[in-house]
């Protein structure tokens, strides 16, 4: 039987950072850079926080969150995983 649709899976780093949690933080709190702080990218988090009033970080965060949800686990772990 063929399986159709998109499967959303969760990748977790060795330190416990979840792809789904990061994506949801990016979608809902991306304006403040919370997802960047969660992933340990503190400089980008501060940059997002400094410019939250422009709405640009919110748009970027939303797009990042959507991309992460549908991104392959191996690709996400290669970028944000503990290497």
C-alpha atoms as a PDB file:
ATOM      1  CA  UNK A   1       0.000   0.000   0.000  1.00  0.00           C
ATOM      2  CA  UNK A   2       1.421   3.385  -0.991  1.00  0.00           C
ATOM      3  CA  UNK A   3       1.693   5.988   1.686  1.00  0.00           C
ATOM      4  CA  UNK A   4       0.789   9.530   0.756  1.00  0.00           C
ATOM      5  CA  UNK A   5       1.119  12.840   2.529  1.00  0.00           C
ATOM      6  CA  UNK A   6       3.918  14.548   4.365  1.00  0.00           C
ATOM      7  CA  UNK A   7       5.335  12.955   7.477  1.00  0.00           C
ATOM      8  CA  UNK A   8       6.568  15.385  10.089  1.00  0.00           C
ATOM      9  CA  UNK A   9       9.186  13.788  12.317  1.00  0.00           C
ATOM     10  CA  UNK A  10      11.209  15.078  15.209  1.00  0.00           C
ATOM     11  CA  UNK A  11      14.993  15.145  15.336  1.00  0.00           C
ATOM     12  CA  UNK A  12      16.661  15.606  18.694  1.00  0.00           C
ATOM     13  CA  UNK A  13      20.280  16.516  19.291  1.00  0.00           C
ATOM     14  CA  UNK A  14      22.410  14.824  21.929  1.00  0.00           C
ATOM     15  CA  UNK A  15      21.854  17.818  24.214  1.00  0.00           C
ATOM     16  CA  UNK A  16      18.079  17.457  23.883  1.00  0.00           C
ATOM     17  CA  UNK A  17      17.302  20.230  21.397  1.00  0.00           C
ATOM     18  CA  UNK A  18      14.192  19.254  19.452  1.00  0.00           C
ATOM     19  CA  UNK A  19      13.532  20.237  15.849  1.00  0.00           C
ATOM     20  CA  UNK A  20       9.794  20.585  16.479  1.00  0.00           C
ATOM     21  CA  UNK A  21      10.294  22.750  19.570  1.00  0.00           C
ATOM     22  CA  UNK A  22      12.753  24.969  17.680  1.00  0.00           C
ATOM     23  CA  UNK A  23      10.299  25.281  14.778  1.00  0.00           C
ATOM     24  CA  UNK A  24       7.383  26.179  17.042  1.00  0.00           C
ATOM     25  CA  UNK A  25       9.492  28.739  18.900  1.00  0.00           C
ATOM     26  CA  UNK A  26      10.512  30.232  15.549  1.00  0.00           C
ATOM     27  CA  UNK A  27       6.908  30.437  14.341  1.00  0.00           C
ATOM     28  CA  UNK A  28       5.368  31.888  17.506  1.00  0.00           C
ATOM     29  CA  UNK A  29       8.260  33.756  19.169  1.00  0.00           C
ATOM     30  CA  UNK A  30      10.588  34.321  16.230  1.00  0.00           C
ATOM     31  CA  UNK A  31      10.287  38.083  16.525  1.00  0.00           C
ATOM     32  CA  UNK A  32      12.215  37.925  19.782  1.00  0.00           C
ATOM     33  CA  UNK A  33      14.803  35.380  18.621  1.00  0.00           C
ATOM     34  CA  UNK A  34      13.806  32.813  21.226  1.00  0.00           C
ATOM     35  CA  UNK A  35      14.469  29.972  18.779  1.00  0.00           C
ATOM     36  CA  UNK A  36      18.020  31.235  18.236  1.00  0.00           C
ATOM     37  CA  UNK A  37      18.685  31.321  21.976  1.00  0.00           C
ATOM     38  CA  UNK A  38      17.204  27.815  22.239  1.00  0.00           C
ATOM     39  CA  UNK A  39      19.628  26.548  19.595  1.00  0.00           C
ATOM     40  CA  UNK A  40      22.605  28.270  21.217  1.00  0.00           C
ATOM     41  CA  UNK A  41      23.021  30.968  18.577  1.00  0.00           C
ATOM     42  CA  UNK A  42      23.055  33.784  21.123  1.00  0.00           C
ATOM     43  CA  UNK A  43      24.488  36.487  18.858  1.00  0.00           C
ATOM     44  CA  UNK A  44      21.703  35.991  16.329  1.00  0.00           C
ATOM     45  CA  UNK A  45      19.203  35.880  19.191  1.00  0.00           C
ATOM     46  CA  UNK A  46      20.371  39.283  20.397  1.00  0.00           C
ATOM     47  CA  UNK A  47      20.199  40.617  16.830  1.00  0.00           C
ATOM     48  CA  UNK A  48      16.609  39.387  16.446  1.00  0.00           C
ATOM     49  CA  UNK A  49      15.757  40.902  19.834  1.00  0.00           C
ATOM     50  CA  UNK A  50      17.301  44.248  18.942  1.00  0.00           C
ATOM     51  CA  UNK A  51      15.245  44.531  15.749  1.00  0.00           C
ATOM     52  CA  UNK A  52      11.973  42.867  16.808  1.00  0.00           C
ATOM     53  CA  UNK A  53      10.147  46.171  16.432  1.00  0.00           C
ATOM     54  CA  UNK A  54      10.724  46.114  12.655  1.00  0.00           C
ATOM     55  CA  UNK A  55       8.750  42.850  12.206  1.00  0.00           C
ATOM     56  CA  UNK A  56      11.534  41.544   9.942  1.00  0.00           C
ATOM     57  CA  UNK A  57      12.781  39.002  12.535  1.00  0.00           C
ATOM     58  CA  UNK A  58       9.209  37.783  12.944  1.00  0.00           C
ATOM     59  CA  UNK A  59       8.859  37.124   9.229  1.00  0.00           C
ATOM     60  CA  UNK A  60      12.257  35.413   9.059  1.00  0.00           C
ATOM     61  CA  UNK A  61      11.453  33.355  12.156  1.00  0.00           C
ATOM     62  CA  UNK A  62       8.120  32.254  10.710  1.00  0.00           C
ATOM     63  CA  UNK A  63       9.767  31.158   7.462  1.00  0.00           C
ATOM     64  CA  UNK A  64      12.555  29.349   9.360  1.00  0.00           C
ATOM     65  CA  UNK A  65       9.985  27.511  11.450  1.00  0.00           C
ATOM     66  CA  UNK A  66       8.020  26.330   8.419  1.00  0.00           C
ATOM     67  CA  UNK A  67      11.219  25.206   6.687  1.00  0.00           C
ATOM     68  CA  UNK A  68      12.389  23.302   9.777  1.00  0.00           C
ATOM     69  CA  UNK A  69       9.080  21.483  10.171  1.00  0.00           C
ATOM     70  CA  UNK A  70       9.295  20.019   6.683  1.00  0.00           C
ATOM     71  CA  UNK A  71      13.078  19.682   6.508  1.00  0.00           C
ATOM     72  CA  UNK A  72      14.669  16.252   6.575  1.00  0.00           C
ATOM     73  CA  UNK A  73      15.946  15.298  10.034  1.00  0.00           C
ATOM     74  CA  UNK A  74      19.454  14.558   8.768  1.00  0.00           C
ATOM     75  CA  UNK A  75      19.765  18.003   7.201  1.00  0.00           C
ATOM     76  CA  UNK A  76      18.562  19.715  10.382  1.00  0.00           C
ATOM     77  CA  UNK A  77      20.892  17.661  12.568  1.00  0.00           C
ATOM     78  CA  UNK A  78      23.829  18.388  10.262  1.00  0.00           C
ATOM     79  CA  UNK A  79      23.325  22.096  10.884  1.00  0.00           C
ATOM     80  CA  UNK A  80      22.127  22.236  14.490  1.00  0.00           C
ATOM     81  CA  UNK A  81      23.148  18.846  15.878  1.00  0.00           C
ATOM     82  CA  UNK A  82      26.001  18.237  18.238  1.00  0.00           C
ATOM     83  CA  UNK A  83      28.978  17.387  16.054  1.00  0.00           C
END
